[in-house]
Amino acid sequence: MEEHHKPVLLSEVLQVLDPKPGESYLDLTAGYAGHASAILDVTRNYKESCLVDRDDYAVSILREKYSMSESVEILHMDFYDAALQLLQCGKTFDIILADFGVSSPQLDLAQRGFSFSQDGPLDMRMDRRQDFSAADIVNRYSERELVEIFEKYGEMSPGSSRKVAREIVLLRRKKKFETTSELAALVNREHRAQVFQAIRIVVNDELGLIEKTLPLIPKLLKLGGRVAIITFHSLEDRLVKDYFKQESSLGEESELKLINKKPITAEHLELVSNPRARSAKLRAACKS
């Protein structure tokens, strides 16, 4: 099978999670099984493992890969709903991984509408079963709401946020935005990534799902189990960092113990072959 997505920090993930034969594995953002393949190759415990993703294309790849020979459970839903469902079923795992980044196919396929460098529909939905898309934000949010999301999720200055929001509102009075190129053309090069990031985060409720899922992780871990989380921007990393710090500083009541106190980042060799790893940060903890 062709490589759909090159997993970031793969060797570092294997080092901190230290998978062993027979251990159970939960991948909350399995994608195209980049990390999962490497871990399951070690554990060989398919029956007690679970791969989760809310992207239908990723799920189809996972089901194809594990169609006949292995009985790994595959859930087509977001990681928060999956965590709730697994807890309700009383399942726990030795290893948990979450990679909160956007996948390469999502960025590379113009029709997914994630990229400002390619012309596609204003979409950005990770789960295409949902109705709410980037077009709804750009064409329906008030100027004030746009300013708020650009500041909060795009980490733009108030002045830049107001300028972009005002221009969007003025232009859409003449014609609704339909494509990524129309939006990108309106925003100066300096702020395109921030504007697209802000809209994408809101479309997929990315930070909200992370915030709700983090407290469920200790409940999903077996005693001695390990969790690794990869983030790609400061807003995600701050949530993970603060949660791990809070949980590991409760003394005898602490359920999690930090494996690495500082985030692990990609080595130079990986950055050369996989530039998307440049912003990746890995944090890990174990259940004590």
C-alpha atoms as a PDB file:
ATOM      1  CA  MET A   1       0.000   0.000   0.000  1.00  0.00           C
ATOM      2  CA  GLU A   2       1.299   3.444  -0.857  1.00  0.00           C
ATOM      3  CA  GLU A   3       2.370   5.714   1.964  1.00  0.00           C
ATOM      4  CA  HIS A   4      -0.500   8.152   2.522  1.00  0.00           C
ATOM      5  CA  HIS A   5       1.005  10.029   5.447  1.00  0.00           C
ATOM      6  CA  LYS A   6       4.470  10.063   6.958  1.00  0.00           C
ATOM      7  CA  PRO A   7       4.160   9.828  10.761  1.00  0.00           C
ATOM      8  CA  VAL A   8       6.120  12.409  12.735  1.00  0.00           C
ATOM      9  CA  LEU A   9       8.446  11.600  15.616  1.00  0.00           C
ATOM     10  CA  LEU A  10       7.970   7.863  15.015  1.00  0.00           C
ATOM     11  CA  SER A  11      11.177   6.685  16.687  1.00  0.00           C
ATOM     12  CA  GLU A  12      10.577   9.041  19.616  1.00  0.00           C
ATOM     13  CA  VAL A  13       7.007   7.758  20.034  1.00  0.00           C
ATOM     14  CA  LEU A  14       8.266   4.169  20.098  1.00  0.00           C
ATOM     15  CA  GLN A  15      10.897   5.122  22.650  1.00  0.00           C
ATOM     16  CA  VAL A  16       8.546   6.804  25.143  1.00  0.00           C
ATOM     17  CA  LEU A  17       5.685   4.314  24.733  1.00  0.00           C
ATOM     18  CA  ASP A  18       8.037   1.313  24.769  1.00  0.00           C
ATOM     19  CA  PRO A  19       5.490  -1.165  23.362  1.00  0.00           C
ATOM     20  CA  LYS A  20       5.838  -4.806  24.368  1.00  0.00           C
ATOM     21  CA  PRO A  21       4.389  -8.018  22.902  1.00  0.00           C
ATOM     22  CA  GLY A  22       0.827  -8.636  24.081  1.00  0.00           C
ATOM     23  CA  GLU A  23       0.054  -5.082  25.161  1.00  0.00           C
ATOM     24  CA  SER A  24      -3.221  -3.438  24.154  1.00  0.00           C
ATOM     25  CA  TYR A  25      -3.157  -0.222  22.128  1.00  0.00           C
ATOM     26  CA  LEU A  26      -5.545   2.683  21.571  1.00  0.00           C
ATOM     27  CA  ASP A  27      -4.820   5.168  18.801  1.00  0.00           C
ATOM     28  CA  LEU A  28      -7.226   8.089  19.179  1.00  0.00           C
ATOM     29  CA  THR A  29      -6.195   9.635  15.849  1.00  0.00           C
ATOM     30  CA  ALA A  30      -5.096   6.637  13.824  1.00  0.00           C
ATOM     31  CA  GLY A  31      -5.133   8.347  10.432  1.00  0.00           C
ATOM     32  CA  TYR A  32      -3.359   6.107   7.946  1.00  0.00           C
ATOM     33  CA  ALA A  33      -1.795   3.814  10.586  1.00  0.00           C
ATOM     34  CA  GLY A  34       1.680   5.329  10.400  1.00  0.00           C
ATOM     35  CA  HIS A  35       2.291   5.105  14.132  1.00  0.00           C
ATOM     36  CA  ALA A  36      -0.197   2.267  14.629  1.00  0.00           C
ATOM     37  CA  SER A  37       1.555  -0.074  12.209  1.00  0.00           C
ATOM     38  CA  ALA A  38       4.864   0.302  14.000  1.00  0.00           C
ATOM     39  CA  ILE A  39       3.325  -0.232  17.432  1.00  0.00           C
ATOM     40  CA  LEU A  40       1.099  -3.157  16.418  1.00  0.00           C
ATOM     41  CA  ASP A  41       4.087  -4.794  14.710  1.00  0.00           C
ATOM     42  CA  VAL A  42       5.582  -5.027  18.196  1.00  0.00           C
ATOM     43  CA  THR A  43       2.528  -5.789  20.340  1.00  0.00           C
ATOM     44  CA  ARG A  44       0.805  -8.127  17.841  1.00  0.00           C
ATOM     45  CA  ASN A  45      -2.270  -7.760  20.059  1.00  0.00           C
ATOM     46  CA  TYR A  46      -4.863  -6.755  17.474  1.00  0.00           C
ATOM     47  CA  LYS A  47      -7.873  -8.182  19.297  1.00  0.00           C
ATOM     48  CA  GLU A  48      -7.526  -5.852  22.299  1.00  0.00           C
ATOM     49  CA  SER A  49      -6.508  -2.773  20.313  1.00  0.00           C
ATOM     50  CA  CYS A  50      -8.586   0.027  18.831  1.00  0.00           C
ATOM     51  CA  LEU A  51      -7.958   2.546  16.045  1.00  0.00           C
ATOM     52  CA  VAL A  52     -10.037   5.735  15.943  1.00  0.00           C
ATOM     53  CA  ASP A  53     -10.480   8.430  13.304  1.00  0.00           C
ATOM     54  CA  ARG A  54     -13.266  10.768  12.231  1.00  0.00           C
ATOM     55  CA  ASP A  55     -12.073  11.135   8.649  1.00  0.00           C
ATOM     56  CA  ASP A  56     -13.935   8.724   6.352  1.00  0.00           C
ATOM     57  CA  TYR A  57     -11.011   8.459   3.940  1.00  0.00           C
ATOM     58  CA  ALA A  58      -8.647   7.481   6.756  1.00  0.00           C
ATOM     59  CA  VAL A  59     -11.160   4.962   8.093  1.00  0.00           C
ATOM     60  CA  SER A  60     -11.469   3.352   4.660  1.00  0.00           C
ATOM     61  CA  ILE A  61      -7.678   2.970   4.510  1.00  0.00           C
ATOM     62  CA  LEU A  62      -7.605   1.466   8.010  1.00  0.00           C
ATOM     63  CA  ARG A  63     -10.364  -1.008   7.178  1.00  0.00           C
ATOM     64  CA  GLU A  64      -8.579  -2.026   4.015  1.00  0.00           C
ATOM     65  CA  LYS A  65      -5.288  -2.501   5.836  1.00  0.00           C
ATOM     66  CA  TYR A  66      -6.800  -4.560   8.663  1.00  0.00           C
ATOM     67  CA  SER A  67      -9.669  -6.152   6.715  1.00  0.00           C
ATOM     68  CA  MET A  68      -9.047  -9.863   7.013  1.00  0.00           C
ATOM     69  CA  SER A  69      -5.973 -10.981   8.896  1.00  0.00           C
ATOM     70  CA  GLU A  70      -6.377  -8.977  12.103  1.00  0.00           C
ATOM     71  CA  SER A  71      -9.430  -8.272  14.238  1.00  0.00           C
ATOM     72  CA  VAL A  72      -8.468  -4.774  15.379  1.00  0.00           C
ATOM     73  CA  GLU A  73     -11.450  -2.582  16.295  1.00  0.00           C
ATOM     74  CA  ILE A  74     -11.871   0.512  14.106  1.00  0.00           C
ATOM     75  CA  LEU A  75     -14.145   3.374  15.187  1.00  0.00           C
ATOM     76  CA  HIS A  76     -15.310   6.087  12.777  1.00  0.00           C
ATOM     77  CA  MET A  77     -15.855   8.963  15.204  1.00  0.00           C
ATOM     78  CA  ASP A  78     -13.997  11.789  16.908  1.00  0.00           C
ATOM     79  CA  PHE A  79     -11.614  10.909  19.708  1.00  0.00           C
ATOM     80  CA  TYR A  80     -13.831  12.313  22.472  1.00  0.00           C
ATOM     81  CA  ASP A  81     -16.888  10.274  21.498  1.00  0.00           C
ATOM     82  CA  ALA A  82     -14.646   7.244  21.044  1.00  0.00           C
ATOM     83  CA  ALA A  83     -13.142   7.695  24.519  1.00  0.00           C
ATOM     84  CA  LEU A  84     -16.620   7.919  26.038  1.00  0.00           C
ATOM     85  CA  GLN A  85     -17.797   4.808  24.200  1.00  0.00           C
ATOM     86  CA  LEU A  86     -14.745   2.798  25.190  1.00  0.00           C
ATOM     87  CA  LEU A  87     -15.144   3.818  28.837  1.00  0.00           C
ATOM     88  CA  GLN A  88     -18.795   2.810  28.776  1.00  0.00           C
ATOM     89  CA  CYS A  89     -17.672  -0.600  27.518  1.00  0.00           C
ATOM     90  CA  GLY A  90     -15.179  -0.828  30.388  1.00  0.00           C
ATOM     91  CA  LYS A  91     -12.127  -1.006  28.149  1.00  0.00           C
ATOM     92  CA  THR A  92      -8.633   0.005  29.226  1.00  0.00           C
ATOM     93  CA  PHE A  93      -5.309  -0.023  27.399  1.00  0.00           C
ATOM     94  CA  ASP A  94      -1.586  -0.363  28.017  1.00  0.00           C
ATOM     95  CA  ILE A  95      -0.703   2.231  25.374  1.00  0.00           C
ATOM     96  CA  ILE A  96      -2.560   5.319  24.147  1.00  0.00           C
ATOM     97  CA  LEU A  97      -1.464   7.657  21.375  1.00  0.00           C
ATOM     98  CA  ALA A  98      -3.022  10.867  20.063  1.00  0.00           C
ATOM     99  CA  ASP A  99      -1.576  12.857  17.150  1.00  0.00           C
ATOM    100  CA  PHE A 100      -3.597  16.076  16.913  1.00  0.00           C
ATOM    101  CA  GLY A 101      -2.159  17.268  13.616  1.00  0.00           C
ATOM    102  CA  VAL A 102      -3.905  17.611  10.266  1.00  0.00           C
ATOM    103  CA  SER A 103      -3.005  14.672   8.019  1.00  0.00           C
ATOM    104  CA  SER A 104      -1.041  15.031   4.792  1.00  0.00           C
ATOM    105  CA  PRO A 105      -3.945  13.933   2.563  1.00  0.00           C
ATOM    106  CA  GLN A 106      -6.226  16.491   4.193  1.00  0.00           C
ATOM    107  CA  LEU A 107      -3.716  19.208   3.360  1.00  0.00           C
ATOM    108  CA  ASP A 108      -2.693  17.865  -0.028  1.00  0.00           C
ATOM    109  CA  LEU A 109      -6.136  17.124  -1.481  1.00  0.00           C
ATOM    110  CA  ALA A 110      -7.491  20.430  -2.751  1.00  0.00           C
ATOM    111  CA  GLN A 111     -11.105  19.230  -2.523  1.00  0.00           C
ATOM    112  CA  ARG A 112     -10.809  18.964   1.267  1.00  0.00           C
ATOM    113  CA  GLY A 113     -10.412  22.750   1.498  1.00  0.00           C
ATOM    114  CA  PHE A 114      -7.735  22.817   4.210  1.00  0.00           C
ATOM    115  CA  SER A 115      -4.938  24.470   2.264  1.00  0.00           C
ATOM    116  CA  PHE A 116      -4.582  28.134   1.352  1.00  0.00           C
ATOM    117  CA  SER A 117      -2.050  27.223  -1.340  1.00  0.00           C
ATOM    118  CA  GLN A 118      -4.500  25.157  -3.405  1.00  0.00           C
ATOM    119  CA  ASP A 119      -7.878  26.071  -4.871  1.00  0.00           C
ATOM    120  CA  GLY A 120     -10.703  24.051  -3.376  1.00  0.00           C
ATOM    121  CA  PRO A 121     -14.089  24.443  -1.703  1.00  0.00           C
ATOM    122  CA  LEU A 122     -14.222  26.232   1.662  1.00  0.00           C
ATOM    123  CA  ASP A 123     -14.652  23.003   3.586  1.00  0.00           C
ATOM    124  CA  MET A 124     -12.046  22.011   6.228  1.00  0.00           C
ATOM    125  CA  ARG A 125     -14.267  19.329   7.790  1.00  0.00           C
ATOM    126  CA  MET A 126     -12.305  16.427   9.261  1.00  0.00           C
ATOM    127  CA  ASP A 127     -15.607  14.548   9.519  1.00  0.00           C
ATOM    128  CA  ARG A 128     -17.480  15.100   6.282  1.00  0.00           C
ATOM    129  CA  ARG A 129     -20.706  13.802   7.835  1.00  0.00           C
ATOM    130  CA  GLN A 130     -21.121  17.101   9.679  1.00  0.00           C
ATOM    131  CA  ASP A 131     -22.938  19.970   7.990  1.00  0.00           C
ATOM    132  CA  PHE A 132     -20.944  22.862   9.467  1.00  0.00           C
ATOM    133  CA  SER A 133     -17.999  23.895   7.269  1.00  0.00           C
ATOM    134  CA  ALA A 134     -15.533  26.725   6.743  1.00  0.00           C
ATOM    135  CA  ALA A 135     -17.969  28.382   4.318  1.00  0.00           C
ATOM    136  CA  ASP A 136     -20.480  28.802   7.160  1.00  0.00           C
ATOM    137  CA  ILE A 137     -17.921  30.679   9.255  1.00  0.00           C
ATOM    138  CA  VAL A 138     -16.651  32.923   6.464  1.00  0.00           C
ATOM    139  CA  ASN A 139     -20.106  33.766   5.096  1.00  0.00           C
ATOM    140  CA  ARG A 140     -22.230  33.852   8.254  1.00  0.00           C
ATOM    141  CA  TYR A 141     -20.144  34.873  11.260  1.00  0.00           C
ATOM    142  CA  SER A 142     -20.430  38.505  12.278  1.00  0.00           C
ATOM    143  CA  GLU A 143     -17.428  40.781  12.079  1.00  0.00           C
ATOM    144  CA  ARG A 144     -17.076  40.630  15.842  1.00  0.00           C
ATOM    145  CA  GLU A 145     -17.177  36.821  15.862  1.00  0.00           C
ATOM    146  CA  LEU A 146     -14.549  36.659  13.128  1.00  0.00           C
ATOM    147  CA  VAL A 147     -12.288  39.020  15.074  1.00  0.00           C
ATOM    148  CA  GLU A 148     -12.641  36.825  18.151  1.00  0.00           C
ATOM    149  CA  ILE A 149     -11.696  33.582  16.425  1.00  0.00           C
ATOM    150  CA  PHE A 150      -8.761  35.149  14.561  1.00  0.00           C
ATOM    151  CA  GLU A 151      -7.387  36.502  17.836  1.00  0.00           C
ATOM    152  CA  LYS A 152      -8.090  33.390  19.920  1.00  0.00           C
ATOM    153  CA  TYR A 153      -7.358  30.563  17.509  1.00  0.00           C
ATOM    154  CA  GLY A 154      -5.179  32.255  14.904  1.00  0.00           C
ATOM    155  CA  GLU A 155      -3.182  34.122  17.569  1.00  0.00           C
ATOM    156  CA  MET A 156      -3.331  37.275  15.454  1.00  0.00           C
ATOM    157  CA  SER A 157      -3.060  40.801  16.793  1.00  0.00           C
ATOM    158  CA  PRO A 158      -6.335  42.696  17.423  1.00  0.00           C
ATOM    159  CA  GLY A 159      -5.528  45.128  14.612  1.00  0.00           C
ATOM    160  CA  SER A 160      -4.821  42.424  12.036  1.00  0.00           C
ATOM    161  CA  SER A 161      -7.877  40.453  13.142  1.00  0.00           C
ATOM    162  CA  ARG A 162     -10.157  43.462  12.710  1.00  0.00           C
ATOM    163  CA  LYS A 163      -8.704  44.275   9.298  1.00  0.00           C
ATOM    164  CA  VAL A 164      -9.224  40.766   7.916  1.00  0.00           C
ATOM    165  CA  ALA A 165     -12.684  40.408   9.462  1.00  0.00           C
ATOM    166  CA  ARG A 166     -13.816  43.748   8.076  1.00  0.00           C
ATOM    167  CA  GLU A 167     -12.597  42.904   4.570  1.00  0.00           C
ATOM    168  CA  ILE A 168     -14.365  39.537   4.653  1.00  0.00           C
ATOM    169  CA  VAL A 169     -17.665  41.101   5.686  1.00  0.00           C
ATOM    170  CA  LEU A 170     -17.410  43.861   3.055  1.00  0.00           C
ATOM    171  CA  LEU A 171     -16.564  41.486   0.221  1.00  0.00           C
ATOM    172  CA  ARG A 172     -19.187  38.843   1.019  1.00  0.00           C
ATOM    173  CA  ARG A 173     -21.934  41.474   0.665  1.00  0.00           C
ATOM    174  CA  LYS A 174     -21.210  41.390  -3.057  1.00  0.00           C
ATOM    175  CA  LYS A 175     -20.586  37.661  -3.398  1.00  0.00           C
ATOM    176  CA  LYS A 176     -20.387  34.770  -0.966  1.00  0.00           C
ATOM    177  CA  PHE A 177     -17.031  33.089  -0.510  1.00  0.00           C
ATOM    178  CA  GLU A 178     -16.962  29.623  -2.057  1.00  0.00           C
ATOM    179  CA  THR A 179     -13.304  28.644  -2.440  1.00  0.00           C
ATOM    180  CA  THR A 180     -10.067  28.643  -0.488  1.00  0.00           C
ATOM    181  CA  SER A 181      -8.366  30.748  -3.154  1.00  0.00           C
ATOM    182  CA  GLU A 182     -10.981  33.502  -2.781  1.00  0.00           C
ATOM    183  CA  LEU A 183     -10.299  33.697   0.940  1.00  0.00           C
ATOM    184  CA  ALA A 184      -6.520  33.398   0.536  1.00  0.00           C
ATOM    185  CA  ALA A 185      -6.487  36.232  -2.009  1.00  0.00           C
ATOM    186  CA  LEU A 186      -8.133  38.511   0.539  1.00  0.00           C
ATOM    187  CA  VAL A 187      -5.618  37.822   3.308  1.00  0.00           C
ATOM    188  CA  ASN A 188      -2.012  38.980   3.056  1.00  0.00           C
ATOM    189  CA  ARG A 189       0.621  36.262   2.909  1.00  0.00           C
ATOM    190  CA  GLU A 190       1.767  36.954   6.474  1.00  0.00           C
ATOM    191  CA  HIS A 191      -1.588  35.995   8.000  1.00  0.00           C
ATOM    192  CA  ARG A 192      -2.941  33.273   5.700  1.00  0.00           C
ATOM    193  CA  ALA A 193      -1.792  30.373   7.845  1.00  0.00           C
ATOM    194  CA  GLN A 194      -3.238  31.992  10.969  1.00  0.00           C
ATOM    195  CA  VAL A 195      -6.615  32.719   9.371  1.00  0.00           C
ATOM    196  CA  PHE A 196      -6.932  29.205   7.970  1.00  0.00           C
ATOM    197  CA  GLN A 197      -5.823  27.672  11.280  1.00  0.00           C
ATOM    198  CA  ALA A 198      -8.420  29.665  13.212  1.00  0.00           C
ATOM    199  CA  ILE A 199     -11.255  28.674  10.898  1.00  0.00           C
ATOM    200  CA  ARG A 200     -10.189  25.015  10.850  1.00  0.00           C
ATOM    201  CA  ILE A 201     -10.044  24.843  14.646  1.00  0.00           C
ATOM    202  CA  VAL A 202     -13.581  26.200  14.938  1.00  0.00           C
ATOM    203  CA  VAL A 203     -15.003  23.979  12.177  1.00  0.00           C
ATOM    204  CA  ASN A 204     -13.683  20.852  13.903  1.00  0.00           C
ATOM    205  CA  ASP A 205     -13.949  22.027  17.538  1.00  0.00           C
ATOM    206  CA  GLU A 206     -10.358  20.885  17.868  1.00  0.00           C
ATOM    207  CA  LEU A 207      -9.443  22.502  21.166  1.00  0.00           C
ATOM    208  CA  GLY A 208     -12.809  21.758  22.750  1.00  0.00           C
ATOM    209  CA  LEU A 209     -12.462  18.050  21.996  1.00  0.00           C
ATOM    210  CA  ILE A 210      -8.904  17.952  23.337  1.00  0.00           C
ATOM    211  CA  GLU A 211      -9.946  19.714  26.542  1.00  0.00           C
ATOM    212  CA  LYS A 212     -12.802  17.239  27.110  1.00  0.00           C
ATOM    213  CA  THR A 213     -10.755  14.170  26.216  1.00  0.00           C
ATOM    214  CA  LEU A 214      -7.648  14.748  28.346  1.00  0.00           C
ATOM    215  CA  PRO A 215      -9.387  13.970  31.697  1.00  0.00           C
ATOM    216  CA  LEU A 216     -10.630  10.671  30.251  1.00  0.00           C
ATOM    217  CA  ILE A 217      -7.163   9.367  29.412  1.00  0.00           C
ATOM    218  CA  PRO A 218      -6.186   8.183  32.936  1.00  0.00           C
ATOM    219  CA  LYS A 219      -9.466   6.256  33.078  1.00  0.00           C
ATOM    220  CA  LEU A 220      -8.603   4.533  29.795  1.00  0.00           C
ATOM    221  CA  LEU A 221      -5.089   3.582  30.906  1.00  0.00           C
ATOM    222  CA  LYS A 222      -4.205   0.426  32.760  1.00  0.00           C
ATOM    223  CA  LEU A 223      -1.874   0.717  35.738  1.00  0.00           C
ATOM    224  CA  GLY A 224       1.597   1.192  34.304  1.00  0.00           C
ATOM    225  CA  GLY A 225       0.123   2.226  30.969  1.00  0.00           C
ATOM    226  CA  ARG A 226       1.700   4.974  28.865  1.00  0.00           C
ATOM    227  CA  VAL A 227       0.183   7.818  26.867  1.00  0.00           C
ATOM    228  CA  ALA A 228       1.905   9.945  24.222  1.00  0.00           C
ATOM    229  CA  ILE A 229       0.404  13.055  22.655  1.00  0.00           C
ATOM    230  CA  ILE A 230       1.709  14.968  19.632  1.00  0.00           C
ATOM    231  CA  THR A 231       0.665  18.579  19.088  1.00  0.00           C
ATOM    232  CA  PHE A 232       1.428  21.014  16.279  1.00  0.00           C
ATOM    233  CA  HIS A 233       0.735  24.506  17.598  1.00  0.00           C
ATOM    234  CA  SER A 234       0.961  26.331  20.895  1.00  0.00           C
ATOM    235  CA  LEU A 235      -2.769  26.270  21.651  1.00  0.00           C
ATOM    236  CA  GLU A 236      -2.879  22.464  21.569  1.00  0.00           C
ATOM    237  CA  ASP A 237       0.425  22.064  23.359  1.00  0.00           C
ATOM    238  CA  ARG A 238      -0.606  24.412  26.156  1.00  0.00           C
ATOM    239  CA  LEU A 239      -3.685  22.305  26.906  1.00  0.00           C
ATOM    240  CA  VAL A 240      -1.640  19.096  27.048  1.00  0.00           C
ATOM    241  CA  LYS A 241       1.226  20.658  28.984  1.00  0.00           C
ATOM    242  CA  ASP A 242      -1.075  22.196  31.594  1.00  0.00           C
ATOM    243  CA  TYR A 243      -3.114  19.015  32.014  1.00  0.00           C
ATOM    244  CA  PHE A 244      -0.050  16.780  32.425  1.00  0.00           C
ATOM    245  CA  LYS A 245       1.508  19.265  34.841  1.00  0.00           C
ATOM    246  CA  GLN A 246      -1.677  19.468  36.898  1.00  0.00           C
ATOM    247  CA  GLU A 247      -2.200  15.703  37.028  1.00  0.00           C
ATOM    248  CA  SER A 248       1.423  14.898  37.872  1.00  0.00           C
ATOM    249  CA  SER A 249       1.676  17.441  40.691  1.00  0.00           C
ATOM    250  CA  LEU A 250      -1.012  16.048  42.993  1.00  0.00           C
ATOM    251  CA  GLY A 251       1.375  14.037  45.119  1.00  0.00           C
ATOM    252  CA  GLU A 252      -0.066  10.701  46.208  1.00  0.00           C
ATOM    253  CA  GLU A 253      -3.281  11.479  44.345  1.00  0.00           C
ATOM    254  CA  SER A 254      -1.470  11.854  41.024  1.00  0.00           C
ATOM    255  CA  GLU A 255      -2.601   9.342  38.427  1.00  0.00           C
ATOM    256  CA  LEU A 256      -0.053  10.372  35.815  1.00  0.00           C
ATOM    257  CA  LYS A 257       3.714  10.634  36.053  1.00  0.00           C
ATOM    258  CA  LEU A 258       5.600  12.555  33.376  1.00  0.00           C
ATOM    259  CA  ILE A 259       7.891  10.510  31.143  1.00  0.00           C
ATOM    260  CA  ASN A 260       9.496  13.629  29.683  1.00  0.00           C
ATOM    261  CA  LYS A 261       9.356  16.977  31.472  1.00  0.00           C
ATOM    262  CA  LYS A 262      10.172  18.945  28.331  1.00  0.00           C
ATOM    263  CA  PRO A 263       8.529  18.338  24.960  1.00  0.00           C
ATOM    264  CA  ILE A 264      10.389  16.165  22.476  1.00  0.00           C
ATOM    265  CA  THR A 265      10.887  17.689  19.030  1.00  0.00           C
ATOM    266  CA  ALA A 266      12.091  16.339  15.704  1.00  0.00           C
ATOM    267  CA  GLU A 267      15.767  15.791  14.949  1.00  0.00           C
ATOM    268  CA  HIS A 268      17.422  17.477  11.974  1.00  0.00           C
ATOM    269  CA  LEU A 269      17.332  14.334   9.816  1.00  0.00           C
ATOM    270  CA  GLU A 270      13.565  14.034  10.170  1.00  0.00           C
ATOM    271  CA  LEU A 271      13.055  17.711   9.396  1.00  0.00           C
ATOM    272  CA  VAL A 272      14.933  17.257   6.131  1.00  0.00           C
ATOM    273  CA  SER A 273      12.746  14.346   5.000  1.00  0.00           C
ATOM    274  CA  ASN A 274       9.496  15.479   6.621  1.00  0.00           C
ATOM    275  CA  PRO A 275       9.233  19.297   6.979  1.00  0.00           C
ATOM    276  CA  ARG A 276       5.787  19.018   8.586  1.00  0.00           C
ATOM    277  CA  ALA A 277       7.502  17.689  11.703  1.00  0.00           C
ATOM    278  CA  ARG A 278       9.096  21.068  12.408  1.00  0.00           C
ATOM    279  CA  SER A 279       6.300  22.241  14.718  1.00  0.00           C
ATOM    280  CA  ALA A 280       5.543  18.857  16.304  1.00  0.00           C
ATOM    281  CA  LYS A 281       5.923  18.437  20.053  1.00  0.00           C
ATOM    282  CA  LEU A 282       5.652  15.137  21.892  1.00  0.00           C
ATOM    283  CA  ARG A 283       4.663  14.823  25.544  1.00  0.00           C
ATOM    284  CA  ALA A 284       4.243  11.546  27.384  1.00  0.00           C
ATOM    285  CA  ALA A 285       3.159  10.233  30.760  1.00  0.00           C
ATOM    286  CA  CYS A 286       2.512   6.901  32.507  1.00  0.00           C
ATOM    287  CA  LYS A 287      -0.220   5.855  34.930  1.00  0.00           C
ATOM    288  CA  SER A 288       1.216   5.194  38.352  1.00  0.00           C
END
